[in-house]
Amino acid sequence: MAVRHLIDFKDWKSKEIEELLDIALKIKKNKEKYYDVLKNKTLTMIFQKTSTRTRLSFEAGMTQLGGHAIFLDWKTTQFIMADIQDEAKCVNRYSDVIMARLLRNADLMKIAEVSTVPVINGLCEKYHPCQVLADILTVKENKGNLKGLKLVYYGIANNVSNSLSVIATKLGMNFVLSAPERHAISLDEELLKQVNATGLYSEEKDPLKAVKDADIVYTDTWVDMELFLDPKFEEEKKRRMKTFMPYQVNKELLKGVPDALIMHDLPAHRGYEIDDFAMKSSNSIIFDQAENRLHAQKAILLKLLGKA
């Protein structure tokens, strides 16, 4: 039987995603029942990009399931100089499951190609499936039924908007992208074709038109984390701040949708993609999203390891 990976949700059926959400909710409500489910199992976590939530949620999640998580910093391993697939074959033999948070999807695929254990995409330039599973879990907790809800994403079209559009439309939600431009490295023509075919995906460049009747308003950073403080990226950062400022999730934008849930995958740059009002709003479920990374990761681990 072929090993199952989670690289993105493009090839996952709606029923499978719904099952993941149900597993996550069960674990969250009865976490004590799952304390030994992954006893003696090892998760190896490979990090090429920095992280707070991804590392903590996977490491804590594996511990709470009775297993063990090993952190590998790309720069302090031989991944930095050796053939990726040679290293991956070795990691594979020490692990029951691998999570990799990499700069390039192509490198992630090289690991998945040679791995005989499940590989989880902890983030790459094209997709962020673990994040959006936690996001939709949080919406489900707050709204119950997902079908027919309108989710509007503001900012730059990127890995997060890619994964959000796929999972939302597969679950019957209306997804609206309100972005002045796409992050070139995140473009996935196959994904766009897939979500457009659902009839539930649309794009609206006018922020005020996009927000009309929104149930959920979502935003993400306009600049990749590794570039935000990079002096070599300063001019491009300034250009983006000017271009994207009309798409800020703020008090003015939210006036017309007083009941809309406010979401951000974090870390947030207040005063850029989101203002302080939106972050602190009673409608903000931003930190619930962050908490739910833990429960979503547990569900992913159990599903891929056949312990669900």
Protein backbone atom coordinates (compact mmCIF):
# COMPACT_ATOMS: atom_id res chain seq x y z
CA MET A 1 0.00 0.00 0.00
CA ALA A 2 1.39 3.40 -1.00
CA VAL A 3 2.31 5.72 1.85
CA ARG A 4 0.07 8.76 2.23
CA HIS A 5 1.64 12.22 2.46
CA LEU A 6 0.14 15.64 3.15
CA ILE A 7 1.79 18.02 0.70
CA ASP A 8 -1.35 20.01 -0.08
CA PHE A 9 -5.08 19.32 -0.18
CA LYS A 10 -5.49 19.27 -3.95
CA ASP A 11 -5.71 15.47 -4.08
CA TRP A 12 -7.67 15.03 -0.84
CA LYS A 13 -11.39 14.33 -1.04
CA SER A 14 -13.88 16.47 0.85
CA LYS A 15 -14.85 13.49 3.00
CA GLU A 16 -11.21 12.95 4.03
CA ILE A 17 -10.83 16.60 5.05
CA GLU A 18 -14.08 16.45 7.02
CA GLU A 19 -12.75 13.35 8.77
CA LEU A 20 -9.59 15.25 9.77
CA LEU A 21 -11.73 18.05 11.24
CA ASP A 22 -13.84 15.55 13.17
CA ILE A 23 -10.73 13.82 14.55
CA ALA A 24 -9.29 17.17 15.65
CA LEU A 25 -12.49 18.11 17.46
CA LYS A 26 -12.65 14.74 19.22
CA ILE A 27 -9.04 15.06 20.36
CA LYS A 28 -9.57 18.60 21.58
CA LYS A 29 -12.56 17.56 23.69
CA ASN A 30 -11.04 14.31 25.01
CA LYS A 31 -7.27 14.77 24.88
CA GLU A 32 -6.63 12.39 27.81
CA LYS A 33 -7.93 9.46 25.74
CA TYR A 34 -5.15 9.96 23.20
CA TYR A 35 -2.14 10.22 25.52
CA ASP A 36 -0.58 6.90 24.45
CA VAL A 37 -1.87 6.48 20.90
CA LEU A 38 1.54 7.17 19.34
CA LYS A 39 3.68 5.64 22.08
CA ASN A 40 7.19 4.80 20.81
CA LYS A 41 6.57 6.68 17.53
CA THR A 42 9.08 9.26 16.33
CA LEU A 43 8.36 12.45 14.38
CA THR A 44 11.37 14.08 12.73
CA MET A 45 10.88 17.80 12.05
CA ILE A 46 13.10 19.43 9.43
CA PHE A 47 13.17 23.24 9.55
CA GLN A 48 14.69 25.37 6.80
CA LYS A 49 12.39 28.29 7.63
CA THR A 50 11.90 29.86 11.05
CA SER A 51 8.86 28.93 13.07
CA THR A 52 6.97 29.42 16.31
CA ARG A 53 3.55 27.78 15.95
CA THR A 54 4.51 24.97 13.57
CA ARG A 55 7.34 23.71 15.75
CA LEU A 56 5.50 24.07 19.05
CA SER A 57 2.24 22.54 17.85
CA PHE A 58 3.91 19.52 16.27
CA GLU A 59 6.36 18.95 19.11
CA ALA A 60 3.76 19.41 21.84
CA GLY A 61 1.23 17.44 19.84
CA MET A 62 3.54 14.46 19.40
CA THR A 63 4.42 14.54 23.11
CA GLN A 64 0.75 14.64 24.12
CA LEU A 65 0.06 11.65 21.87
CA GLY A 66 2.77 9.66 23.66
CA GLY A 67 5.41 9.92 20.95
CA HIS A 68 8.64 11.84 20.53
CA ALA A 69 9.56 14.71 18.20
CA ILE A 70 13.10 15.49 17.03
CA PHE A 71 13.94 19.00 15.80
CA LEU A 72 16.43 19.33 12.93
CA ASP A 73 17.70 22.76 11.89
CA TRP A 74 18.57 22.54 8.19
CA LYS A 75 21.69 24.68 8.69
CA THR A 76 23.13 22.42 11.38
CA THR A 77 22.64 19.17 9.47
CA GLN A 78 24.21 17.74 6.32
CA PHE A 79 21.11 18.76 4.35
CA ILE A 80 22.94 22.03 3.77
CA MET A 81 25.64 20.33 1.67
CA ALA A 82 24.59 16.79 0.76
CA ASP A 83 22.14 15.41 -1.78
CA ILE A 84 18.65 15.99 -0.36
CA GLN A 85 17.40 12.55 -1.23
CA ASP A 86 20.42 10.83 0.31
CA GLU A 87 19.79 12.65 3.58
CA ALA A 88 16.04 12.04 3.37
CA LYS A 89 16.58 8.29 2.97
CA CYS A 90 18.53 8.31 6.23
CA VAL A 91 16.01 10.44 8.12
CA ASN A 92 13.31 8.12 6.84
CA ARG A 93 14.97 5.13 8.53
CA TYR A 94 14.98 6.80 11.94
CA SER A 95 11.39 8.10 11.74
CA ASP A 96 7.77 7.02 11.72
CA VAL A 97 6.68 10.32 10.20
CA ILE A 98 8.50 13.39 8.83
CA MET A 99 7.40 17.04 8.88
CA ALA A 100 9.40 19.45 6.72
CA ARG A 101 9.12 23.24 6.62
CA LEU A 102 11.11 24.26 3.57
CA LEU A 103 11.70 27.17 1.22
CA ARG A 104 10.95 25.21 -1.94
CA ASN A 105 8.15 22.78 -2.70
CA ALA A 106 10.47 21.05 -5.18
CA ASP A 107 12.78 20.05 -2.31
CA LEU A 108 9.84 18.83 -0.24
CA MET A 109 8.76 16.64 -3.15
CA LYS A 110 12.26 15.16 -3.37
CA ILE A 111 11.94 14.07 0.25
CA ALA A 112 8.45 12.66 -0.30
CA GLU A 113 9.57 10.76 -3.41
CA VAL A 114 12.04 8.60 -1.46
CA SER A 115 10.27 8.40 1.89
CA THR A 116 8.55 5.20 2.98
CA VAL A 117 6.94 7.02 5.92
CA PRO A 118 4.40 9.85 5.71
CA VAL A 119 5.74 13.33 4.90
CA ILE A 120 3.87 16.42 6.08
CA ASN A 121 4.30 19.84 4.52
CA GLY A 122 4.88 22.24 7.42
CA LEU A 123 4.96 25.09 4.87
CA CYS A 124 6.59 25.77 1.52
CA GLU A 125 6.35 28.64 -0.95
CA LYS A 126 3.24 27.16 -2.58
CA TYR A 127 1.16 25.62 0.21
CA HIS A 128 0.48 25.71 3.95
CA PRO A 129 -1.97 22.82 4.53
CA CYS A 130 -1.44 22.44 8.29
CA GLN A 131 -2.26 26.10 8.88
CA VAL A 132 -5.48 26.08 6.86
CA LEU A 133 -6.75 22.89 8.47
CA ALA A 134 -6.48 24.65 11.84
CA ASP A 135 -8.15 27.73 10.30
CA ILE A 136 -11.16 25.82 9.03
CA LEU A 137 -11.35 23.90 12.31
CA THR A 138 -11.65 27.26 14.07
CA VAL A 139 -14.38 28.45 11.70
CA LYS A 140 -16.28 25.19 12.21
CA GLU A 141 -16.14 25.63 15.99
CA ASN A 142 -17.59 29.13 15.68
CA LYS A 143 -20.06 28.68 12.83
CA GLY A 144 -21.00 25.01 12.88
CA ASN A 145 -21.96 24.33 9.28
CA LEU A 146 -19.34 25.46 6.76
CA LYS A 147 -21.33 25.23 3.55
CA GLY A 148 -22.36 28.58 2.08
CA LEU A 149 -20.07 30.68 4.28
CA LYS A 150 -18.17 33.48 2.55
CA LEU A 151 -14.46 33.78 3.34
CA VAL A 152 -12.62 36.82 2.00
CA TYR A 153 -8.84 36.78 1.90
CA TYR A 154 -6.99 40.14 1.77
CA GLY A 155 -3.39 40.86 0.84
CA ILE A 156 -0.93 39.11 -1.42
CA ALA A 157 -1.99 35.87 -3.11
CA ASN A 158 0.45 33.33 -1.68
CA ASN A 159 0.89 29.86 -0.19
CA VAL A 160 -1.75 30.50 2.49
CA SER A 161 -4.39 31.80 0.07
CA ASN A 162 -3.65 28.84 -2.21
CA SER A 163 -4.31 26.27 0.50
CA LEU A 164 -7.25 28.19 1.93
CA SER A 165 -8.98 28.40 -1.45
CA VAL A 166 -8.64 24.65 -1.95
CA ILE A 167 -9.86 23.52 1.46
CA ALA A 168 -12.66 26.11 1.61
CA THR A 169 -14.13 25.29 -1.80
CA LYS A 170 -13.85 21.53 -1.18
CA LEU A 171 -15.98 22.04 1.92
CA GLY A 172 -18.62 24.15 0.16
CA MET A 173 -17.47 27.60 1.26
CA ASN A 174 -17.33 30.62 -1.01
CA PHE A 175 -13.77 31.91 -1.28
CA VAL A 176 -13.02 35.46 -2.46
CA LEU A 177 -9.47 36.59 -3.15
CA SER A 178 -9.00 40.35 -2.79
CA ALA A 179 -5.38 40.99 -3.75
CA PRO A 180 -3.60 43.48 -6.00
CA GLU A 181 -1.00 40.91 -7.04
CA ARG A 182 0.30 37.37 -6.63
CA HIS A 183 3.55 36.26 -5.08
CA ALA A 184 5.17 34.86 -8.23
CA ILE A 185 6.80 31.87 -6.52
CA SER A 186 3.42 30.78 -5.12
CA LEU A 187 1.61 30.58 -8.44
CA ASP A 188 0.02 27.19 -9.12
CA GLU A 189 -1.97 27.11 -12.36
CA GLU A 190 -3.31 23.62 -11.65
CA LEU A 191 -4.67 24.79 -8.29
CA LEU A 192 -6.35 27.84 -9.86
CA LYS A 193 -7.99 25.64 -12.47
CA GLN A 194 -9.24 23.30 -9.75
CA VAL A 195 -10.77 25.97 -7.50
CA ASN A 196 -12.29 27.88 -10.43
CA ALA A 197 -14.05 24.70 -11.53
CA THR A 198 -15.94 24.53 -8.23
CA GLY A 199 -17.88 27.72 -8.94
CA LEU A 200 -17.12 28.78 -5.36
CA TYR A 201 -13.93 30.74 -6.09
CA SER A 202 -13.80 34.36 -7.22
CA GLU A 203 -11.48 37.36 -7.26
CA GLU A 204 -12.39 40.97 -6.46
CA LYS A 205 -9.75 43.68 -6.45
CA ASP A 206 -12.01 46.28 -4.81
CA PRO A 207 -11.68 45.64 -1.04
CA LEU A 208 -15.05 47.18 -0.18
CA LYS A 209 -16.92 45.17 -2.82
CA ALA A 210 -15.17 42.00 -1.72
CA VAL A 211 -16.13 42.35 1.96
CA LYS A 212 -19.87 42.62 1.27
CA ASP A 213 -21.75 39.89 3.19
CA ALA A 214 -18.49 38.30 4.36
CA ASP A 215 -18.71 35.75 7.18
CA ILE A 216 -14.93 35.56 7.61
CA VAL A 217 -12.23 38.13 6.84
CA TYR A 218 -8.72 36.71 6.62
CA THR A 219 -5.31 38.29 6.09
CA ASP A 220 -1.64 37.33 6.09
CA THR A 221 1.71 39.13 6.05
CA TRP A 222 2.58 40.95 2.82
CA VAL A 223 6.26 40.04 3.11
CA ASP A 224 7.79 36.59 3.77
CA MET A 225 9.15 36.25 7.30
CA GLU A 226 12.75 35.71 6.21
CA LEU A 227 12.65 38.92 4.15
CA PHE A 228 10.85 41.30 6.50
CA LEU A 229 14.02 42.44 8.28
CA ASP A 230 16.40 41.88 5.35
CA PRO A 231 17.97 45.23 4.32
CA LYS A 232 18.39 43.94 0.75
CA PHE A 233 14.62 43.64 0.53
CA GLU A 234 13.93 47.14 1.90
CA GLU A 235 12.91 48.78 -1.41
CA GLU A 236 10.59 45.94 -2.34
CA LYS A 237 9.14 46.04 1.17
CA LYS A 238 8.39 49.77 0.78
CA ARG A 239 6.76 49.15 -2.59
CA ARG A 240 4.55 46.44 -1.17
CA MET A 241 3.50 48.54 1.82
CA LYS A 242 2.27 51.23 -0.55
CA THR A 243 0.57 48.78 -2.93
CA PHE A 244 -1.14 46.69 -0.28
CA MET A 245 -2.20 49.34 2.25
CA PRO A 246 -5.71 49.64 0.71
CA TYR A 247 -6.14 45.94 1.54
CA GLN A 248 -5.43 46.32 5.24
CA VAL A 249 -7.97 44.60 7.50
CA ASN A 250 -8.98 47.50 9.72
CA LYS A 251 -11.83 49.22 11.52
CA GLU A 252 -13.03 51.00 8.39
CA LEU A 253 -13.15 47.85 6.25
CA LEU A 254 -15.03 45.92 8.94
CA LYS A 255 -17.78 48.53 9.44
CA GLY A 256 -20.04 46.88 6.92
CA VAL A 257 -19.64 43.38 8.36
CA PRO A 258 -19.89 43.82 12.15
CA ASP A 259 -20.40 40.09 12.74
CA ALA A 260 -17.60 38.79 10.49
CA LEU A 261 -14.93 36.63 12.10
CA ILE A 262 -11.42 38.07 11.81
CA MET A 263 -8.51 35.74 11.05
CA HIS A 264 -4.73 35.94 10.66
CA ASP A 265 -2.30 33.01 10.59
CA LEU A 266 0.42 34.95 12.51
CA PRO A 267 2.91 36.40 13.07
CA ALA A 268 1.12 39.69 12.44
CA HIS A 269 2.67 43.02 11.56
CA ARG A 270 0.25 45.45 13.19
CA GLY A 271 -0.16 48.64 11.23
CA TYR A 272 0.53 46.81 7.97
CA GLU A 273 -1.82 44.00 6.91
CA ILE A 274 -4.00 44.42 10.03
CA ASP A 275 -4.64 47.19 12.53
CA ASP A 276 -4.86 47.03 16.31
CA PHE A 277 -8.67 47.31 16.25
CA ALA A 278 -9.05 44.16 14.18
CA MET A 279 -6.50 42.23 16.24
CA LYS A 280 -8.27 43.06 19.50
CA SER A 281 -11.84 42.87 18.21
CA SER A 282 -14.29 40.58 19.99
CA ASN A 283 -14.77 38.97 16.57
CA SER A 284 -11.09 38.08 16.32
CA ILE A 285 -10.44 34.34 16.44
CA ILE A 286 -6.76 34.76 15.64
CA PHE A 287 -5.40 33.18 18.80
CA ASP A 288 -7.97 30.40 18.62
CA GLN A 289 -6.47 29.63 15.20
CA ALA A 290 -3.06 29.45 16.81
CA GLU A 291 -4.28 27.08 19.54
CA ASN A 292 -6.00 24.88 17.01
CA ARG A 293 -2.73 24.24 15.23
CA LEU A 294 -2.07 21.79 18.08
CA HIS A 295 -5.29 19.85 17.58
CA ALA A 296 -5.07 19.92 13.79
CA GLN A 297 -1.50 18.59 13.84
CA LYS A 298 -2.56 15.74 16.11
CA ALA A 299 -5.33 14.81 13.69
CA ILE A 300 -2.91 14.83 10.77
CA LEU A 301 -0.44 12.62 12.62
CA LEU A 302 -3.10 10.09 13.62
CA LYS A 303 -4.62 10.00 10.14
CA LEU A 304 -1.34 9.49 8.30
CA LEU A 305 -0.12 6.89 10.79
CA GLY A 306 -3.36 4.92 10.61
CA LYS A 307 -4.28 5.57 14.23
CA ALA A 308 -7.35 7.74 13.70
